[in-house]
Protein backbone atom coordinates (compact mmCIF):
# COMPACT_ATOMS: atom_id res chain seq x y z
CA UNK A 1 6.58 49.60 99.49
CA UNK A 2 3.89 52.29 99.54
CA UNK A 3 6.32 54.70 101.16
CA UNK A 4 8.80 54.24 98.33
CA UNK A 5 6.03 54.77 95.75
CA UNK A 6 5.06 58.09 97.34
CA UNK A 7 8.72 59.04 97.55
CA UNK A 8 9.16 58.39 93.83
CA UNK A 9 6.06 60.36 92.80
CA UNK A 10 6.45 63.33 95.16
CA UNK A 11 7.70 66.56 93.59
CA UNK A 12 10.88 68.27 94.68
CA UNK A 13 10.34 71.71 96.31
CA UNK A 14 11.53 73.57 93.21
CA UNK A 15 9.30 71.51 90.93
CA UNK A 16 6.35 71.98 93.31
CA UNK A 17 6.81 75.75 93.33
CA UNK A 18 6.96 75.76 89.52
CA UNK A 19 3.77 73.66 89.34
CA UNK A 20 1.95 76.01 91.74
CA UNK A 21 3.15 79.05 89.79
CA UNK A 22 1.95 77.59 86.48
CA UNK A 23 -1.39 76.66 88.08
CA UNK A 24 -1.87 80.19 89.42
CA UNK A 25 -0.85 81.69 86.09
CA UNK A 26 -3.35 79.44 84.32
CA UNK A 27 -6.14 80.47 86.74
CA UNK A 28 -5.24 84.14 86.30
CA UNK A 29 -5.28 83.75 82.53
CA UNK A 30 -8.72 82.07 82.59
CA UNK A 31 -10.11 84.70 84.99
CA UNK A 32 -8.75 87.50 82.82
CA UNK A 33 -10.25 85.99 79.67
CA UNK A 34 -13.61 85.49 81.41
CA UNK A 35 -13.53 89.09 82.64
CA UNK A 36 -12.95 90.32 79.08
CA UNK A 37 -15.94 88.35 77.79
CA UNK A 38 -18.06 89.60 80.71
CA UNK A 39 -17.14 93.21 79.92
CA UNK A 40 -18.19 92.72 76.28
CA UNK A 41 -21.43 91.09 77.43
CA UNK A 42 -22.18 93.99 79.82
CA UNK A 43 -21.50 96.47 77.04
CA UNK A 44 -24.04 94.70 74.80
CA UNK A 45 -26.62 94.60 77.64
CA UNK A 46 -26.22 98.35 78.25
CA UNK A 47 -26.89 98.96 74.58
CA UNK A 48 -29.94 96.65 74.77
CA UNK A 49 -31.35 98.65 77.68
CA UNK A 50 -30.70 101.92 75.83
CA UNK A 51 -32.50 100.69 72.71
CA UNK A 52 -35.37 99.23 74.79
CA UNK A 53 -36.08 102.69 76.20
CA UNK A 54 -36.91 103.85 72.68
CA UNK A 55 -38.51 100.72 71.19
CA UNK A 56 -40.54 97.59 71.97
CA UNK A 57 -39.00 94.86 74.19
CA UNK A 58 -39.15 92.36 71.28
CA UNK A 59 -37.86 94.78 68.64
CA UNK A 60 -35.75 93.23 65.87
CA UNK A 61 -33.10 95.87 66.55
CA UNK A 62 -32.33 94.07 69.81
CA UNK A 63 -31.66 90.62 68.32
CA UNK A 64 -27.99 91.14 67.27
CA UNK A 65 -27.21 92.86 70.58
CA UNK A 66 -28.86 90.09 72.60
CA UNK A 67 -27.01 87.43 70.61
CA UNK A 68 -23.74 89.24 71.23
CA UNK A 69 -24.42 89.44 74.98
CA UNK A 70 -25.44 85.76 75.16
CA UNK A 71 -22.42 84.64 73.17
CA UNK A 72 -20.01 86.59 75.39
CA UNK A 73 -21.51 85.32 78.65
CA UNK A 74 -21.33 81.76 77.30
CA UNK A 75 -17.70 82.31 76.30
CA UNK A 76 -16.98 83.68 79.79
CA UNK A 77 -18.32 80.42 81.24
CA UNK A 78 -16.24 78.37 78.81
CA UNK A 79 -13.15 80.29 79.89
CA UNK A 80 -13.97 79.98 83.60
CA UNK A 81 -16.75 77.54 84.52
CA UNK A 82 -16.61 78.72 88.15
CA UNK A 83 -17.60 82.29 87.22
CA UNK A 84 -20.91 82.78 89.05
CA UNK A 85 -21.47 86.28 87.64
CA UNK A 86 -21.43 84.95 84.06
CA UNK A 87 -24.00 82.36 85.13
CA UNK A 88 -26.18 85.04 86.69
CA UNK A 89 -26.17 87.28 83.62
CA UNK A 90 -26.78 84.36 81.28
CA UNK A 91 -29.75 83.36 83.46
CA UNK A 92 -31.04 86.94 83.23
CA UNK A 93 -30.92 86.80 79.43
CA UNK A 94 -33.04 83.64 79.46
CA UNK A 95 -35.50 84.92 82.08
CA UNK A 96 -35.86 88.63 81.33
CA UNK A 97 -34.85 89.44 77.77
CA UNK A 98 -36.34 88.18 74.47
CA UNK A 99 -33.04 86.61 73.44
CA UNK A 100 -33.24 84.12 70.52
CA UNK A 101 -33.36 80.60 71.95
CA UNK A 102 -34.37 81.78 75.41
CA UNK A 103 -35.48 79.01 77.76
CA UNK A 104 -37.03 79.70 81.18
CA UNK A 105 -35.92 76.30 82.52
CA UNK A 106 -32.29 76.93 81.55
CA UNK A 107 -32.49 80.43 83.03
CA UNK A 108 -33.88 79.11 86.32
CA UNK A 109 -31.20 76.39 86.53
CA UNK A 110 -28.41 78.91 85.88
CA UNK A 111 -29.86 81.29 88.47
CA UNK A 112 -29.95 78.57 91.15
CA UNK A 113 -26.38 77.54 90.29
CA UNK A 114 -25.11 81.12 90.51
CA UNK A 115 -26.93 81.67 93.83
CA UNK A 116 -25.55 78.45 95.30
CA UNK A 117 -22.06 79.51 94.18
CA UNK A 118 -22.41 82.64 96.31
CA UNK A 119 -23.27 85.37 93.80
CA UNK A 120 -25.14 88.05 95.80
CA UNK A 121 -27.07 89.38 92.79
CA UNK A 122 -28.24 85.86 91.95
CA UNK A 123 -29.17 85.16 95.58
CA UNK A 124 -31.27 88.32 95.74
CA UNK A 125 -32.93 87.69 92.37
CA UNK A 126 -33.72 84.07 93.25
CA UNK A 127 -35.04 84.99 96.69
CA UNK A 128 -37.21 87.73 95.21
CA UNK A 129 -38.59 85.48 92.49
CA UNK A 130 -39.31 82.63 94.91
CA UNK A 131 -41.15 85.00 97.23
CA UNK A 132 -43.19 87.06 94.79
CA UNK A 133 -43.36 85.19 91.49
CA UNK A 134 -43.95 81.62 92.62
CA UNK A 135 -47.56 81.66 93.86
CA UNK A 136 -48.22 77.95 93.20
CA UNK A 137 -45.28 76.65 95.22
CA UNK A 138 -44.68 77.03 98.96
CA UNK A 139 -41.19 78.47 98.81
CA UNK A 140 -41.16 81.10 101.57
CA UNK A 141 -38.35 79.45 103.53
CA UNK A 142 -36.20 79.03 100.43
CA UNK A 143 -36.79 82.65 99.50
CA UNK A 144 -35.82 83.81 102.98
CA UNK A 145 -32.68 81.64 102.88
CA UNK A 146 -31.40 83.22 99.67
CA UNK A 147 -32.34 86.76 100.73
CA UNK A 148 -30.42 86.27 103.98
CA UNK A 149 -27.40 85.00 102.05
CA UNK A 150 -27.47 88.11 99.83
CA UNK A 151 -28.01 90.39 102.84
CA UNK A 152 -24.98 88.81 104.52
CA UNK A 153 -23.01 90.23 101.60
CA UNK A 154 -24.73 93.61 102.19
CA UNK A 155 -26.74 93.52 98.97
CA UNK A 156 -28.93 96.63 99.31
CA UNK A 157 -32.01 95.16 97.62
CA UNK A 158 -31.91 92.08 99.84
CA UNK A 159 -31.37 94.19 102.97
CA UNK A 160 -34.38 96.36 102.09
CA UNK A 161 -36.59 93.38 101.32
CA UNK A 162 -35.58 91.58 104.52
CA UNK A 163 -36.20 94.75 106.53
CA UNK A 164 -39.73 94.99 105.10
CA UNK A 165 -40.36 91.31 105.90
CA UNK A 166 -39.15 91.74 109.50
CA UNK A 167 -41.13 94.97 109.89
CA UNK A 168 -44.44 93.49 108.74
CA UNK A 169 -43.91 89.94 110.01
CA UNK A 170 -44.82 88.61 106.58
CA UNK A 171 -44.10 84.90 106.91
CA UNK A 172 -41.73 85.39 109.84
CA UNK A 173 -41.96 86.64 113.42
CA UNK A 174 -41.98 90.44 113.61
CA UNK A 175 -38.52 91.68 114.54
CA UNK A 176 -38.20 95.48 114.73
CA UNK A 177 -34.54 95.32 115.78
CA UNK A 178 -33.56 93.27 112.71
CA UNK A 179 -35.74 95.46 110.47
CA UNK A 180 -34.05 98.65 111.67
CA UNK A 181 -30.57 97.17 111.30
CA UNK A 182 -31.35 96.09 107.71
CA UNK A 183 -32.90 99.49 106.86
CA UNK A 184 -29.85 101.23 108.32
CA UNK A 185 -27.39 99.12 106.33
CA UNK A 186 -29.35 99.45 103.08
CA UNK A 187 -29.69 103.22 103.53
CA UNK A 188 -26.01 103.50 104.39
CA UNK A 189 -25.32 102.10 100.92
CA UNK A 190 -27.64 104.55 99.17
CA UNK A 191 -30.95 102.66 98.93
CA UNK A 192 -33.57 105.42 98.66
CA UNK A 193 -36.55 103.29 99.69
CA UNK A 194 -34.80 102.09 102.82
CA UNK A 195 -33.79 105.66 103.70
CA UNK A 196 -37.40 106.91 103.41
CA UNK A 197 -38.88 104.15 105.57
CA UNK A 198 -36.04 104.37 108.09
CA UNK A 199 -36.37 108.16 108.35
CA UNK A 200 -40.15 107.87 108.82
CA UNK A 201 -39.69 105.34 111.62
CA UNK A 202 -37.16 107.61 113.34
CA UNK A 203 -39.64 110.50 113.26
CA UNK A 204 -42.24 108.25 114.88
CA UNK A 205 -39.87 107.78 117.80
CA UNK A 206 -39.10 104.11 117.26
CA UNK A 207 -36.57 102.78 119.76
CA UNK A 208 -33.27 101.88 118.12
CA UNK A 209 -31.69 98.55 119.08
CA UNK A 210 -28.17 98.45 120.48
CA UNK A 211 -26.85 96.98 117.21
CA UNK A 212 -27.84 100.25 115.47
CA UNK A 213 -26.99 102.75 118.22
CA UNK A 214 -23.46 101.32 118.23
CA UNK A 215 -23.12 102.29 114.58
CA UNK A 216 -24.22 105.86 115.35
CA UNK A 217 -21.96 106.12 118.40
CA UNK A 218 -18.96 105.05 116.34
CA UNK A 219 -19.76 107.73 113.76
CA UNK A 220 -20.45 110.39 116.42
CA UNK A 221 -17.01 109.90 118.00
CA UNK A 222 -15.36 111.06 114.80
CA UNK A 223 -17.75 114.02 114.40
CA UNK A 224 -17.65 115.02 118.08
CA UNK A 225 -21.43 114.74 118.59
CA UNK A 226 -22.55 112.37 121.35
CA UNK A 227 -26.33 113.06 121.34
CA UNK A 228 -28.60 111.02 119.07
CA UNK A 229 -31.31 113.40 117.81
CA UNK A 230 -34.10 111.45 116.02
CA UNK A 231 -35.06 114.44 113.87
CA UNK A 232 -31.49 115.03 112.73
CA UNK A 233 -31.04 111.31 112.07
CA UNK A 234 -34.26 111.27 110.04
CA UNK A 235 -33.07 114.31 108.09
CA UNK A 236 -29.87 112.46 107.22
CA UNK A 237 -31.94 109.59 105.85
CA UNK A 238 -34.08 111.87 103.69
CA UNK A 239 -30.91 113.54 102.39
CA UNK A 240 -29.64 110.11 101.33
CA UNK A 241 -32.92 109.50 99.48
CA UNK A 242 -32.83 112.95 97.87
CA UNK A 243 -29.24 112.41 96.77
CA UNK A 244 -30.40 109.22 95.04
CA UNK A 245 -32.98 111.28 93.15
CA UNK A 246 -36.01 110.18 95.17
CA UNK A 247 -38.79 112.78 95.10
CA UNK A 248 -40.10 111.66 98.49
CA UNK A 249 -36.73 112.53 99.99
CA UNK A 250 -37.06 116.15 98.80
CA UNK A 251 -40.65 116.33 100.08
CA UNK A 252 -39.70 115.08 103.54
CA UNK A 253 -36.82 117.55 103.75
CA UNK A 254 -39.17 120.36 102.77
CA UNK A 255 -41.67 119.31 105.45
CA UNK A 256 -38.97 119.26 108.11
CA UNK A 257 -37.71 122.67 107.03
CA UNK A 258 -41.22 124.13 107.21
CA UNK A 259 -41.74 122.60 110.65
CA UNK A 260 -38.46 124.08 111.90
CA UNK A 261 -39.47 127.53 110.62
CA UNK A 262 -42.89 127.23 112.29
CA UNK A 263 -41.31 126.31 115.63
CA UNK A 264 -38.93 129.29 115.40
CA UNK A 265 -41.78 131.75 114.85
CA UNK A 266 -43.85 130.53 117.84
């Protein structure tokens, strides 16, 4: 009896393929619509940031732009409720900007939802807020959890923050190997702060863990250099920082250049 019921309700292969195609087309259409609303929201936020550089954070000039951004992020969520990035940016409007109708509780809820859905930006922001802006609640473990999740996705801010935590042992056991790996990965992706600290540690003669030396050995095979020179590696880090516009990067490079000249004249 049950077998015959299933037989009657099951779709033929051609009908099943058509159903799957229509489902995928519907998902694509929703994703595309959400992406369009997100783009319009981002455009409004960029204009908000530009105006904020020249006026007060609660200037009336910002209100129509903030409303436009909020409306577009809300429409993106209506089009695709699974869009974690729309949730994150909507949470940011509630938590950071003076948007009309802003609500910290709504912003916090949206941020947690976006983080739990896997958005790296939301995970980093939530971890950072839990760690540094939540002094009345013991939330160190939660903060570490979300920062690790963001770092797993190679979010540079999360990698840098985790590296600093491992380096200082702030709330966790000191772990130089993990700190160096995180600094290396963050620097590799252009994080100036990570590059400066990492370069400084290399100049101090810190011992690199195998997880990091493997990365250098892989790169050296393609360049033909097999020797790991701490000074040259440090110089590379300061060049990364300088390229990102960090003044400390230029200063460190200048110091190394002066030291090289001094050694040559001795």
